[in-house]
Amino acid sequence: MSNINKQALNQEKIEWLNKLADMEYCKSNPGHWLMSLKDTNMLAKLALRSVALLDELEAKDKSIDFLKEQLAQLANFNPDWDKLEAATYSLREHMAKLSSAEKRIAELERKEQHSERQSVIDALAGYGEEWSDIEEYMQKWDAERAAAAGKGE
């Protein structure tokens, strides 16, 4: 504690203050008091309250010191911004490549489906099927493929 020597209030003095704060004790020992009984009692209670306040002040000082240390540590936090920036750039590059690869895969899947569909049409036409029959068959075929794609097959 700054400016206040709490050790000066030793246990004996605190016990004496507790006695003075006890009105019954004061009533049983009236002869040696220079102040009135109520004044003595009130003074003792105030002194005891000041001890409690000193304890609270000491706890708050410790809390403030702790928070100052934490703030100092935060002020000294210095991440390597160059490495963070490089990692962010690298992540963006990888994400762009991934996105590009996903688009390419989707495009190839579409081409493969189209190619497969065209092969079926060519095969049916090669067997001499009528265009109206091929068209009807392909509508069923497309519906089956769409249903299978919806199920995740």
Foldseek 3Di string as FASTA:
>chain_A
DPPDDLVVCPPVNLVVLVLLLDLVSCVVPVPPDPDDSVVSNVVSVVVNVVNVVVVVVVVVVVVVVVVVVVVVVVVPDDDPVVVVVVVVVVVVVVVVVVVVVVVVVVVVVVVVVVVVLVVQLVVCVVVVDDPVVNVVVSVVVVVVVVVCVVVVD
